[in-house]
C-alpha atoms as a PDB file:
ATOM      1  CA  MET A   1      -8.294 -11.903  -1.884  1.00  0.00           C
ATOM      2  CA  ASP A   2      -9.548 -12.592  -5.410  1.00  0.00           C
ATOM      3  CA  ASN A   3      -6.661 -13.533  -7.700  1.00  0.00           C
ATOM      4  CA  SER A   4      -8.823 -13.806 -10.814  1.00  0.00           C
ATOM      5  CA  LEU A   5      -7.797 -12.047 -14.020  1.00  0.00           C
ATOM      6  CA  ILE A   6      -9.116  -8.616 -14.801  1.00  0.00           C
ATOM      7  CA  SER A   7     -11.505  -9.016 -17.706  1.00  0.00           C
ATOM      8  CA  ARG A   8     -10.964  -6.430 -20.439  1.00  0.00           C
ATOM      9  CA  ARG A   9     -14.633  -6.734 -21.375  1.00  0.00           C
ATOM     10  CA  ASP A  10     -15.639  -5.938 -17.777  1.00  0.00           C
ATOM     11  CA  PHE A  11     -13.171  -3.070 -17.681  1.00  0.00           C
ATOM     12  CA  ILE A  12     -14.569  -1.504 -20.854  1.00  0.00           C
ATOM     13  CA  ALA A  13     -18.117  -1.932 -19.568  1.00  0.00           C
ATOM     14  CA  THR A  14     -17.195  -0.269 -16.281  1.00  0.00           C
ATOM     15  CA  ALA A  15     -15.495   2.598 -18.075  1.00  0.00           C
ATOM     16  CA  ALA A  16     -18.435   3.165 -20.416  1.00  0.00           C
ATOM     17  CA  THR A  17     -20.957   3.101 -17.594  1.00  0.00           C
ATOM     18  CA  LEU A  18     -19.045   5.457 -15.334  1.00  0.00           C
ATOM     19  CA  ALA A  19     -17.477   7.869 -17.793  1.00  0.00           C
ATOM     20  CA  ALA A  20     -20.417  10.255 -17.558  1.00  0.00           C
ATOM     21  CA  LEU A  21     -20.385  10.472 -13.767  1.00  0.00           C
ATOM     22  CA  PRO A  22     -19.417  13.900 -12.372  1.00  0.00           C
ATOM     23  CA  SER A  23     -15.949  14.133 -10.839  1.00  0.00           C
ATOM     24  CA  LEU A  24     -14.922  15.866  -7.666  1.00  0.00           C
ATOM     25  CA  ALA A  25     -13.151  19.125  -8.385  1.00  0.00           C
ATOM     26  CA  GLY A  26      -9.718  19.965  -7.087  1.00  0.00           C
ATOM     27  CA  SER A  27      -6.370  18.256  -6.949  1.00  0.00           C
ATOM     28  CA  SER A  28      -5.217  16.041  -4.117  1.00  0.00           C
ATOM     29  CA  ALA A  29      -2.951  18.371  -2.195  1.00  0.00           C
ATOM     30  CA  TRP A  30      -2.256  20.024   1.108  1.00  0.00           C
ATOM     31  CA  ALA A  31      -4.092  23.278   1.709  1.00  0.00           C
ATOM     32  CA  ARG A  32      -3.400  25.759  -1.061  1.00  0.00           C
ATOM     33  CA  GLY A  33      -0.120  27.583  -0.952  1.00  0.00           C
ATOM     34  CA  SER A  34       3.464  26.451  -0.994  1.00  0.00           C
ATOM     35  CA  SER A  35       2.910  23.300   1.094  1.00  0.00           C
ATOM     36  CA  PRO A  36       4.049  19.999  -0.431  1.00  0.00           C
ATOM     37  CA  SER A  37       1.408  18.003  -2.296  1.00  0.00           C
ATOM     38  CA  ILE A  38       0.229  14.434  -1.974  1.00  0.00           C
ATOM     39  CA  THR A  39      -1.681  12.195  -4.366  1.00  0.00           C
ATOM     40  CA  LEU A  40      -4.722  10.246  -3.254  1.00  0.00           C
ATOM     41  CA  GLY A  41      -5.240   6.668  -4.378  1.00  0.00           C
ATOM     42  CA  VAL A  42      -7.285   3.573  -3.587  1.00  0.00           C
ATOM     43  CA  PHE A  43      -6.483  -0.074  -3.035  1.00  0.00           C
ATOM     44  CA  ALA A  44      -8.810  -1.703  -5.562  1.00  0.00           C
ATOM     45  CA  ALA A  45      -8.956  -4.035  -8.541  1.00  0.00           C
ATOM     46  CA  TYR A  46      -7.890  -2.301 -11.740  1.00  0.00           C
ATOM     47  CA  GLN A  47     -11.349  -2.779 -13.240  1.00  0.00           C
ATOM     48  CA  HIS A  48     -12.405   0.217 -11.101  1.00  0.00           C
ATOM     49  CA  ALA A  49      -9.816   2.507 -12.710  1.00  0.00           C
ATOM     50  CA  ALA A  50     -12.205   4.577 -14.840  1.00  0.00           C
ATOM     51  CA  TYR A  51     -14.519   5.316 -11.929  1.00  0.00           C
ATOM     52  CA  LEU A  52     -11.727   6.196  -9.524  1.00  0.00           C
ATOM     53  CA  GLN A  53     -10.123   8.488 -12.074  1.00  0.00           C
ATOM     54  CA  SER A  54     -13.462  10.233 -12.594  1.00  0.00           C
ATOM     55  CA  LEU A  55     -13.627  10.945  -8.854  1.00  0.00           C
ATOM     56  CA  GLY A  56     -10.234  12.643  -8.869  1.00  0.00           C
ATOM     57  CA  PHE A  57      -8.000   9.884  -7.519  1.00  0.00           C
ATOM     58  CA  GLY A  58      -4.485   9.861  -8.939  1.00  0.00           C
ATOM     59  CA  TYR A  59      -3.708   6.138  -8.935  1.00  0.00           C
ATOM     60  CA  ILE A  60      -4.734   2.628  -7.959  1.00  0.00           C
ATOM     61  CA  GLU A  61      -2.925   0.383  -5.508  1.00  0.00           C
ATOM     62  CA  GLU A  62      -3.229  -3.245  -6.570  1.00  0.00           C
ATOM     63  CA  ALA A  63      -2.336  -6.622  -5.054  1.00  0.00           C
ATOM     64  CA  VAL A  64       0.831  -8.504  -5.980  1.00  0.00           C
ATOM     65  CA  GLY A  65      -1.033 -11.792  -6.239  1.00  0.00           C
ATOM     66  CA  ARG A  66      -3.958 -10.435  -8.217  1.00  0.00           C
ATOM     67  CA  PHE A  67      -2.186  -8.240 -10.763  1.00  0.00           C
ATOM     68  CA  LEU A  68       1.515  -9.109 -11.004  1.00  0.00           C
ATOM     69  CA  LEU A  69       1.531 -12.826 -10.281  1.00  0.00           C
ATOM     70  CA  PRO A  70      -1.702 -14.484 -11.420  1.00  0.00           C
ATOM     71  CA  SER A  71      -0.649 -18.149 -11.387  1.00  0.00           C
ATOM     72  CA  GLU A  72       2.947 -16.854 -11.785  1.00  0.00           C
ATOM     73  CA  THR A  73       2.704 -17.437 -15.536  1.00  0.00           C
ATOM     74  CA  GLU A  74       3.443 -14.988 -18.343  1.00  0.00           C
ATOM     75  CA  ALA A  75       0.254 -14.826 -20.415  1.00  0.00           C
ATOM     76  CA  PRO A  76      -2.234 -13.807 -17.677  1.00  0.00           C
ATOM     77  CA  TYR A  77       0.190 -11.187 -16.374  1.00  0.00           C
ATOM     78  CA  TYR A  78       0.668  -9.787 -19.879  1.00  0.00           C
ATOM     79  CA  GLU A  79      -3.104  -9.467 -20.232  1.00  0.00           C
ATOM     80  CA  ASN A  80      -3.201  -7.383 -17.056  1.00  0.00           C
ATOM     81  CA  ARG A  81      -0.234  -5.296 -18.180  1.00  0.00           C
ATOM     82  CA  ASP A  82      -1.797  -4.646 -21.586  1.00  0.00           C
ATOM     83  CA  VAL A  83      -4.981  -3.299 -19.969  1.00  0.00           C
ATOM     84  CA  LEU A  84      -2.875  -1.018 -17.783  1.00  0.00           C
ATOM     85  CA  GLN A  85      -0.883   0.291 -20.746  1.00  0.00           C
ATOM     86  CA  GLN A  86      -3.983   0.852 -22.874  1.00  0.00           C
ATOM     87  CA  GLU A  87      -6.001   2.637 -20.199  1.00  0.00           C
ATOM     88  CA  GLY A  88      -3.107   4.613 -18.741  1.00  0.00           C
ATOM     89  CA  PHE A  89      -4.381   5.075 -15.182  1.00  0.00           C
ATOM     90  CA  PRO A  90      -1.292   4.347 -13.056  1.00  0.00           C
ATOM     91  CA  ILE A  91      -0.780   1.620 -10.509  1.00  0.00           C
ATOM     92  CA  LYS A  92       1.534   3.285  -8.006  1.00  0.00           C
ATOM     93  CA  SER A  93       1.984   0.406  -5.587  1.00  0.00           C
ATOM     94  CA  TYR A  94       1.138  -3.203  -4.741  1.00  0.00           C
ATOM     95  CA  VAL A  95       0.293  -4.804  -1.401  1.00  0.00           C
ATOM     96  CA  VAL A  96       0.798  -8.319   0.028  1.00  0.00           C
ATOM     97  CA  LEU A  97       4.285  -9.085  -1.222  1.00  0.00           C
ATOM     98  CA  LEU A  98       4.261 -12.534   0.392  1.00  0.00           C
ATOM     99  CA  PRO A  99       1.330 -14.836   1.184  1.00  0.00           C
ATOM    100  CA  SER A 100       1.068 -16.283   4.675  1.00  0.00           C
ATOM    101  CA  ALA A 101       2.269 -19.660   3.378  1.00  0.00           C
ATOM    102  CA  ILE A 102       5.764 -18.287   2.666  1.00  0.00           C
ATOM    103  CA  LYS A 103       7.339 -17.735   6.083  1.00  0.00           C
ATOM    104  CA  THR A 104      10.041 -15.127   6.675  1.00  0.00           C
ATOM    105  CA  VAL A 105      10.749 -16.185  10.262  1.00  0.00           C
ATOM    106  CA  GLY A 106      10.715 -19.272  12.455  1.00  0.00           C
ATOM    107  CA  PRO A 107      11.955 -22.843  12.015  1.00  0.00           C
ATOM    108  CA  GLN A 108      10.090 -23.169   8.701  1.00  0.00           C
ATOM    109  CA  ALA A 109      11.351 -19.924   7.132  1.00  0.00           C
ATOM    110  CA  GLN A 110      11.285 -20.114   3.331  1.00  0.00           C
ATOM    111  CA  HIS A 111      13.671 -17.404   2.170  1.00  0.00           C
ATOM    112  CA  GLN A 112      14.421 -18.856  -1.251  1.00  0.00           C
ATOM    113  CA  GLU A 113      10.722 -19.005  -2.100  1.00  0.00           C
ATOM    114  CA  ALA A 114      10.290 -15.462  -0.777  1.00  0.00           C
ATOM    115  CA  LEU A 115      13.184 -14.162  -2.862  1.00  0.00           C
ATOM    116  CA  ALA A 116      11.961 -15.860  -6.036  1.00  0.00           C
ATOM    117  CA  ARG A 117       8.509 -14.318  -5.661  1.00  0.00           C
ATOM    118  CA  THR A 118       9.997 -10.934  -4.797  1.00  0.00           C
ATOM    119  CA  GLN A 119      12.279 -10.875  -7.820  1.00  0.00           C
ATOM    120  CA  LEU A 120       9.428 -11.681 -10.198  1.00  0.00           C
ATOM    121  CA  ALA A 121       7.146  -9.106  -8.557  1.00  0.00           C
ATOM    122  CA  LEU A 122       9.814  -6.408  -8.734  1.00  0.00           C
ATOM    123  CA  ARG A 123      10.559  -7.083 -12.391  1.00  0.00           C
ATOM    124  CA  ARG A 124       6.895  -6.951 -13.324  1.00  0.00           C
ATOM    125  CA  ALA A 125       6.284  -3.862 -11.187  1.00  0.00           C
ATOM    126  CA  LYS A 126       9.023  -2.091 -13.143  1.00  0.00           C
ATOM    127  CA  GLU A 127       7.442  -3.154 -16.433  1.00  0.00           C
ATOM    128  CA  CYS A 128       4.173  -1.648 -15.195  1.00  0.00           C
ATOM    129  CA  GLY A 129       5.790   1.686 -14.335  1.00  0.00           C
ATOM    130  CA  SER A 130       5.053   1.359 -10.620  1.00  0.00           C
ATOM    131  CA  SER A 131       6.988   2.800  -7.682  1.00  0.00           C
ATOM    132  CA  TYR A 132       6.440   0.636  -4.586  1.00  0.00           C
ATOM    133  CA  ILE A 133       5.748  -2.847  -3.315  1.00  0.00           C
ATOM    134  CA  VAL A 134       4.442  -2.932   0.239  1.00  0.00           C
ATOM    135  CA  PHE A 135       6.001  -5.524   2.540  1.00  0.00           C
ATOM    136  CA  GLY A 136       3.323  -6.043   5.154  1.00  0.00           C
ATOM    137  CA  SER A 137       2.499  -9.753   4.870  1.00  0.00           C
ATOM    138  CA  GLY A 138       1.587 -10.221   8.528  1.00  0.00           C
ATOM    139  CA  GLY A 139       0.953 -13.934   8.262  1.00  0.00           C
ATOM    140  CA  ALA A 140       4.306 -14.515   6.616  1.00  0.00           C
ATOM    141  CA  ARG A 141       6.240 -12.719   9.341  1.00  0.00           C
ATOM    142  CA  ASN A 142       4.246 -13.867  12.375  1.00  0.00           C
ATOM    143  CA  ILE A 143       6.682 -15.272  14.941  1.00  0.00           C
ATOM    144  CA  PRO A 144       5.744 -18.815  16.060  1.00  0.00           C
ATOM    145  CA  GLU A 145       5.024 -19.363  19.729  1.00  0.00           C
ATOM    146  CA  ASP A 146       8.159 -20.153  21.742  1.00  0.00           C
ATOM    147  CA  PHE A 147      10.466 -19.116  18.869  1.00  0.00           C
ATOM    148  CA  ASN A 148      13.208 -16.681  19.905  1.00  0.00           C
ATOM    149  CA  ARG A 149      12.182 -13.139  18.912  1.00  0.00           C
ATOM    150  CA  HIS A 150      15.753 -11.922  18.461  1.00  0.00           C
ATOM    151  CA  GLU A 151      16.434 -14.782  16.077  1.00  0.00           C
ATOM    152  CA  ALA A 152      13.214 -14.056  14.200  1.00  0.00           C
ATOM    153  CA  LYS A 153      14.144 -10.402  13.822  1.00  0.00           C
ATOM    154  CA  ALA A 154      17.586 -11.385  12.527  1.00  0.00           C
ATOM    155  CA  GLN A 155      15.957 -13.750  10.015  1.00  0.00           C
ATOM    156  CA  HIS A 156      13.634 -11.035   8.736  1.00  0.00           C
ATOM    157  CA  ILE A 157      16.438  -8.499   8.427  1.00  0.00           C
ATOM    158  CA  ALA A 158      18.599 -11.028   6.587  1.00  0.00           C
ATOM    159  CA  LEU A 159      15.789 -11.615   4.093  1.00  0.00           C
ATOM    160  CA  CYS A 160      15.240  -7.875   3.575  1.00  0.00           C
ATOM    161  CA  ARG A 161      18.967  -7.428   2.985  1.00  0.00           C
ATOM    162  CA  GLN A 162      18.762 -10.001   0.208  1.00  0.00           C
ATOM    163  CA  MET A 163      15.713  -8.298  -1.258  1.00  0.00           C
ATOM    164  CA  ALA A 164      17.401  -4.887  -1.266  1.00  0.00           C
ATOM    165  CA  PRO A 165      19.778  -5.444  -4.239  1.00  0.00           C
ATOM    166  CA  MET A 166      16.828  -6.721  -6.270  1.00  0.00           C
ATOM    167  CA  ALA A 167      14.830  -3.601  -5.453  1.00  0.00           C
ATOM    168  CA  GLU A 168      17.801  -1.427  -6.345  1.00  0.00           C
ATOM    169  CA  LYS A 169      18.249  -3.267  -9.653  1.00  0.00           C
ATOM    170  CA  TYR A 170      14.640  -2.705 -10.720  1.00  0.00           C
ATOM    171  CA  GLY A 171      14.230   0.757  -9.209  1.00  0.00           C
ATOM    172  CA  ILE A 172      11.247  -0.259  -7.075  1.00  0.00           C
ATOM    173  CA  THR A 173      11.082   0.681  -3.391  1.00  0.00           C
ATOM    174  CA  ILE A 174      10.024  -1.973  -0.874  1.00  0.00           C
ATOM    175  CA  ALA A 175       7.990  -0.239   1.831  1.00  0.00           C
ATOM    176  CA  ILE A 176       8.086  -2.001   5.207  1.00  0.00           C
ATOM    177  CA  GLU A 177       4.590  -1.848   6.713  1.00  0.00           C
ATOM    178  CA  PRO A 178       3.976  -1.987  10.467  1.00  0.00           C
ATOM    179  CA  LEU A 179       0.712  -3.819  11.185  1.00  0.00           C
ATOM    180  CA  ASN A 180      -1.506  -3.952  14.259  1.00  0.00           C
ATOM    181  CA  ARG A 181      -1.215  -6.842  16.698  1.00  0.00           C
ATOM    182  CA  GLY A 182      -4.511  -8.288  15.534  1.00  0.00           C
ATOM    183  CA  GLU A 183      -2.766  -9.182  12.257  1.00  0.00           C
ATOM    184  CA  THR A 184       0.761 -10.084  13.343  1.00  0.00           C
ATOM    185  CA  ASN A 185       3.009 -10.167  16.424  1.00  0.00           C
ATOM    186  CA  PHE A 186       6.051  -8.615  14.722  1.00  0.00           C
ATOM    187  CA  ILE A 187       6.678  -5.027  13.515  1.00  0.00           C
ATOM    188  CA  ASN A 188       3.681  -3.324  15.095  1.00  0.00           C
ATOM    189  CA  SER A 189       4.857   0.306  15.150  1.00  0.00           C
ATOM    190  CA  LEU A 190       6.695   2.836  13.038  1.00  0.00           C
ATOM    191  CA  ALA A 191       9.637   2.565  15.443  1.00  0.00           C
ATOM    192  CA  GLU A 192       9.881  -1.189  14.867  1.00  0.00           C
ATOM    193  CA  GLY A 193       9.608  -0.694  11.130  1.00  0.00           C
ATOM    194  CA  VAL A 194      12.433   1.831  11.239  1.00  0.00           C
ATOM    195  CA  GLU A 195      14.616  -0.742  13.022  1.00  0.00           C
ATOM    196  CA  ILE A 196      14.331  -2.952   9.930  1.00  0.00           C
ATOM    197  CA  VAL A 197      14.921  -0.061   7.530  1.00  0.00           C
ATOM    198  CA  GLU A 198      18.009   1.130   9.385  1.00  0.00           C
ATOM    199  CA  ALA A 199      19.417  -2.385   9.659  1.00  0.00           C
ATOM    200  CA  VAL A 200      19.065  -2.984   5.909  1.00  0.00           C
ATOM    201  CA  LYS A 201      20.565   0.375   4.898  1.00  0.00           C
ATOM    202  CA  SER A 202      19.264   0.499   1.335  1.00  0.00           C
ATOM    203  CA  PRO A 203      17.774   3.460  -0.548  1.00  0.00           C
ATOM    204  CA  ARG A 204      15.158   1.035  -1.846  1.00  0.00           C
ATOM    205  CA  VAL A 205      13.957  -0.328   1.515  1.00  0.00           C
ATOM    206  CA  LYS A 206      11.926   2.312   3.317  1.00  0.00           C
ATOM    207  CA  LEU A 207       8.903   2.734   5.623  1.00  0.00           C
ATOM    208  CA  LEU A 208       5.160   2.744   5.018  1.00  0.00           C
ATOM    209  CA  CYS A 209       2.904   4.693   7.375  1.00  0.00           C
ATOM    210  CA  ASP A 210      -0.561   3.135   7.725  1.00  0.00           C
ATOM    211  CA  ILE A 211      -2.790   5.423   9.756  1.00  0.00           C
ATOM    212  CA  TYR A 212      -5.370   2.659  10.251  1.00  0.00           C
ATOM    213  CA  HIS A 213      -2.815   0.429  11.965  1.00  0.00           C
ATOM    214  CA  MET A 214      -1.508   3.379  13.975  1.00  0.00           C
ATOM    215  CA  LEU A 215      -5.031   4.035  15.254  1.00  0.00           C
ATOM    216  CA  LYS A 216      -5.516   0.364  16.142  1.00  0.00           C
ATOM    217  CA  GLU A 217      -2.266   0.446  18.133  1.00  0.00           C
ATOM    218  CA  ASP A 218      -3.019   3.841  19.743  1.00  0.00           C
ATOM    219  CA  GLU A 219       0.198   5.074  18.140  1.00  0.00           C
ATOM    220  CA  PRO A 220       0.350   8.886  18.356  1.00  0.00           C
ATOM    221  CA  ALA A 221       0.661  11.119  15.313  1.00  0.00           C
ATOM    222  CA  SER A 222       3.918  12.443  16.736  1.00  0.00           C
ATOM    223  CA  GLU A 223       5.570   9.178  15.614  1.00  0.00           C
ATOM    224  CA  ILE A 224       5.051  10.300  12.019  1.00  0.00           C
ATOM    225  CA  THR A 225       6.956  13.490  12.735  1.00  0.00           C
ATOM    226  CA  LYS A 226       9.681  11.501  14.489  1.00  0.00           C
ATOM    227  CA  TYR A 227      10.212   9.013  11.666  1.00  0.00           C
ATOM    228  CA  GLY A 228       9.034  11.069   8.706  1.00  0.00           C
ATOM    229  CA  LYS A 229      12.360  10.961   6.881  1.00  0.00           C
ATOM    230  CA  HIS A 230      11.904   7.203   6.345  1.00  0.00           C
ATOM    231  CA  ILE A 231       8.271   7.336   5.113  1.00  0.00           C
ATOM    232  CA  VAL A 232       7.738   6.901   1.373  1.00  0.00           C
ATOM    233  CA  HIS A 233       4.103   5.777   1.159  1.00  0.00           C
ATOM    234  CA  CYS A 234       0.925   5.894   3.278  1.00  0.00           C
ATOM    235  CA  HIS A 235      -2.355   4.040   3.792  1.00  0.00           C
ATOM    236  CA  ILE A 236      -5.479   5.230   5.575  1.00  0.00           C
ATOM    237  CA  ALA A 237      -8.831   3.824   6.778  1.00  0.00           C
ATOM    238  CA  GLU A 238     -11.156   4.276   9.724  1.00  0.00           C
ATOM    239  CA  LYS A 239     -10.307   2.444  12.935  1.00  0.00           C
ATOM    240  CA  ALA A 240     -13.401   0.441  13.887  1.00  0.00           C
ATOM    241  CA  GLU A 241     -14.254  -1.451  10.696  1.00  0.00           C
ATOM    242  CA  ARG A 242     -11.486  -0.373   8.287  1.00  0.00           C
ATOM    243  CA  THR A 243     -13.979   1.718   6.363  1.00  0.00           C
ATOM    244  CA  PRO A 244     -13.125   4.666   4.085  1.00  0.00           C
ATOM    245  CA  PRO A 245     -12.991   8.182   5.560  1.00  0.00           C
ATOM    246  CA  GLY A 246     -16.430   9.631   6.134  1.00  0.00           C
ATOM    247  CA  VAL A 247     -18.279   6.399   6.934  1.00  0.00           C
ATOM    248  CA  MET A 248     -17.816   6.419  10.725  1.00  0.00           C
ATOM    249  CA  GLY A 249     -16.562   9.983  10.982  1.00  0.00           C
ATOM    250  CA  ASP A 250     -12.956   9.411  12.161  1.00  0.00           C
ATOM    251  CA  ASP A 251     -10.825  12.519  12.551  1.00  0.00           C
ATOM    252  CA  PHE A 252      -7.499  12.017  10.786  1.00  0.00           C
ATOM    253  CA  ARG A 253      -6.362  15.631  11.072  1.00  0.00           C
ATOM    254  CA  PRO A 254      -3.599  15.039  13.675  1.00  0.00           C
ATOM    255  CA  TYR A 255      -2.006  12.398  11.442  1.00  0.00           C
ATOM    256  CA  LEU A 256      -2.451  14.427   8.269  1.00  0.00           C
ATOM    257  CA  SER A 257      -0.969  17.442  10.021  1.00  0.00           C
ATOM    258  CA  ALA A 258       2.037  15.367  11.069  1.00  0.00           C
ATOM    259  CA  LEU A 259       2.559  14.252   7.472  1.00  0.00           C
ATOM    260  CA  LYS A 260       2.385  17.867   6.364  1.00  0.00           C
ATOM    261  CA  GLN A 261       4.956  18.873   8.976  1.00  0.00           C
ATOM    262  CA  THR A 262       7.410  16.298   7.615  1.00  0.00           C
ATOM    263  CA  GLY A 263       7.047  17.665   4.089  1.00  0.00           C
ATOM    264  CA  TYR A 264       5.587  14.383   2.885  1.00  0.00           C
ATOM    265  CA  ARG A 265       5.065  14.289  -0.893  1.00  0.00           C
ATOM    266  CA  GLY A 266       4.072  10.678  -1.565  1.00  0.00           C
ATOM    267  CA  GLY A 267       0.830   8.818  -2.099  1.00  0.00           C
ATOM    268  CA  LEU A 268      -1.996   8.327   0.388  1.00  0.00           C
ATOM    269  CA  SER A 269      -4.117   5.265  -0.369  1.00  0.00           C
ATOM    270  CA  ILE A 270      -7.522   4.480   1.052  1.00  0.00           C
ATOM    271  CA  GLU A 271      -6.958   0.808   1.868  1.00  0.00           C
ATOM    272  CA  CYS A 272     -10.103  -1.102   2.795  1.00  0.00           C
ATOM    273  CA  PHE A 273     -10.932  -4.731   2.108  1.00  0.00           C
ATOM    274  CA  HIS A 274     -14.732  -4.794   2.417  1.00  0.00           C
ATOM    275  CA  TYR A 275     -17.352  -2.294   1.288  1.00  0.00           C
ATOM    276  CA  ASP A 276     -21.107  -2.192   1.741  1.00  0.00           C
ATOM    277  CA  ASP A 277     -21.350   0.046  -1.340  1.00  0.00           C
ATOM    278  CA  PHE A 278     -18.016   0.606  -3.065  1.00  0.00           C
ATOM    279  CA  SER A 279     -19.122   3.344  -5.479  1.00  0.00           C
ATOM    280  CA  ASN A 280     -20.771   5.543  -2.879  1.00  0.00           C
ATOM    281  CA  GLN A 281     -18.398   4.878   0.014  1.00  0.00           C
ATOM    282  CA  ILE A 282     -15.300   5.607  -2.044  1.00  0.00           C
ATOM    283  CA  ARG A 283     -16.909   8.789  -3.385  1.00  0.00           C
ATOM    284  CA  THR A 284     -17.566   9.866   0.205  1.00  0.00           C
ATOM    285  CA  GLY A 285     -14.051   8.779   1.114  1.00  0.00           C
ATOM    286  CA  ILE A 286     -12.220  11.075  -1.271  1.00  0.00           C
ATOM    287  CA  ALA A 287     -14.480  14.004  -0.440  1.00  0.00           C
ATOM    288  CA  GLU A 288     -13.950  13.622   3.311  1.00  0.00           C
ATOM    289  CA  LEU A 289     -10.242  12.952   3.028  1.00  0.00           C
ATOM    290  CA  GLN A 290      -9.713  15.966   0.788  1.00  0.00           C
ATOM    291  CA  LYS A 291     -11.747  18.092   3.219  1.00  0.00           C
ATOM    292  CA  GLN A 292      -9.587  17.063   6.174  1.00  0.00           C
ATOM    293  CA  ILE A 293      -6.381  17.560   4.188  1.00  0.00           C
ATOM    294  CA  ASN A 294      -7.432  21.074   3.249  1.00  0.00           C
ATOM    295  CA  GLU A 295      -8.227  21.851   6.895  1.00  0.00           C
ATOM    296  CA  VAL A 296      -4.692  21.081   8.103  1.00  0.00           C
END
């Protein structure tokens, strides 16, 4: 993931070029009526803010390492923050709390390093007016071969319990993200994520629902209904190549319907890491996602 600074010159150029593009009409919400609303967002570098806003997205989801902690120094972070404050398009959440080099489990667990990074990220997220930091970090939590899984789980819970008071202090919610087994061998389902949430017992440690990972794990939509009270944030992408909605034609309606049934009111981020054509694919993505939302 590119950790380079966001250039203000590039941002202004992007905004000027894209300002005249037509936007998609309509708010990001469940089908019209009294149903609870959601807000659609995109995981992307903040330099795309003007374009995404023109399409009707409500926020950007950034990366901890790219936006909050560039080199972990003050000046580059302040440059990012200043662009955010001047442009005003919100960053709701950040992904990749910990890099794979900082282990949460196993004989080489590095909890002090993890806590130091978390505290700085939480403080800066508050300064940026954000709501969530996503704790996926599959490489960091991957359990080493032959290491006791019960001990690993206890290690991870102990770390999350130490993170919780920090999150409470700064008013930022840490969202535990289950990931598919191709990315990690620990916390691969909503049920396993809830085990961590319930063990920590903090109002600022909750659950993220990633529909892409659920599809990869053949996890039914009914799990969303079952654990909906813990879900505070959501991600979505198509199953085969992690493409935006509308590229391969995935049907997300069962999962969107389950979110609606729970009364979910949070954000729903298109989270993809590679695009053949970002501008066109993300335009298709919001149109298709809004269409499927309206149909449930």
